[in-house]
Amino acid sequence: MRVHSLTLNPSQRKITLPKIRTKN
């Protein structure tokens, strides 16, 4: 789902990337 969001919304990808990093 996370990867899909990145591919679906390139603009949100910037927001999703930091969010995943914080979870890790």
N, C-alpha and C. Protein backbone atom coordinates (compact mmCIF):
# COMPACT_ATOMS: atom_id res chain seq x y z
N MET A 1 0.84 -1.20 0.00
CA MET A 1 0.00 0.00 0.00
C MET A 1 0.88 1.26 0.00
N ARG A 2 1.93 1.21 0.78
CA ARG A 2 2.81 2.40 0.84
C ARG A 2 3.45 2.65 -0.53
N VAL A 3 3.91 1.58 -1.13
CA VAL A 3 4.56 1.75 -2.45
C VAL A 3 3.54 2.23 -3.47
N HIS A 4 2.33 1.74 -3.37
CA HIS A 4 1.28 2.14 -4.32
C HIS A 4 1.02 3.64 -4.20
N SER A 5 0.96 4.11 -2.97
CA SER A 5 0.68 5.54 -2.75
C SER A 5 1.77 6.38 -3.41
N LEU A 6 3.00 5.91 -3.30
CA LEU A 6 4.11 6.67 -3.90
C LEU A 6 3.95 6.74 -5.41
N THR A 7 3.58 5.62 -5.99
CA THR A 7 3.45 5.59 -7.46
C THR A 7 2.20 6.34 -7.90
N LEU A 8 1.16 6.25 -7.08
CA LEU A 8 -0.10 6.91 -7.45
C LEU A 8 0.05 8.43 -7.38
N ASN A 9 0.57 8.93 -6.28
CA ASN A 9 0.71 10.39 -6.12
C ASN A 9 2.19 10.77 -5.96
N PRO A 10 2.81 11.19 -7.03
CA PRO A 10 4.21 11.61 -6.97
C PRO A 10 4.38 12.81 -6.03
N SER A 11 3.36 13.63 -5.96
CA SER A 11 3.43 14.83 -5.08
C SER A 11 3.41 14.39 -3.62
N GLN A 12 2.54 13.45 -3.29
CA GLN A 12 2.44 12.96 -1.89
C GLN A 12 3.65 12.09 -1.56
N ARG A 13 4.31 11.61 -2.58
CA ARG A 13 5.46 10.73 -2.36
C ARG A 13 6.46 11.40 -1.41
N LYS A 14 6.62 12.68 -1.52
CA LYS A 14 7.55 13.39 -0.62
C LYS A 14 7.06 13.27 0.83
N ILE A 15 5.75 13.31 1.01
CA ILE A 15 5.19 13.23 2.37
C ILE A 15 5.22 11.77 2.87
N THR A 16 5.02 10.85 1.96
CA THR A 16 4.98 9.44 2.35
C THR A 16 6.39 8.94 2.69
N LEU A 17 7.38 9.42 1.97
CA LEU A 17 8.75 8.97 2.21
C LEU A 17 9.19 9.27 3.65
N PRO A 18 9.06 10.50 4.09
CA PRO A 18 9.46 10.85 5.47
C PRO A 18 8.62 10.09 6.50
N LYS A 19 7.37 9.86 6.18
CA LYS A 19 6.49 9.15 7.14
C LYS A 19 7.00 7.72 7.34
N ILE A 20 7.37 7.06 6.26
CA ILE A 20 7.85 5.67 6.36
C ILE A 20 9.19 5.66 7.12
N ARG A 21 10.00 6.66 6.88
CA ARG A 21 11.32 6.71 7.54
C ARG A 21 11.11 6.87 9.05
N THR A 22 10.14 7.65 9.41
CA THR A 22 9.89 7.88 10.84
C THR A 22 9.40 6.58 11.49
N LYS A 23 8.59 5.84 10.76
CA LYS A 23 8.06 4.57 11.30
C LYS A 23 9.22 3.58 11.47
N ASN A 24 10.14 3.60 10.53
CA ASN A 24 11.27 2.67 10.60
C ASN A 24 12.14 3.09 11.78
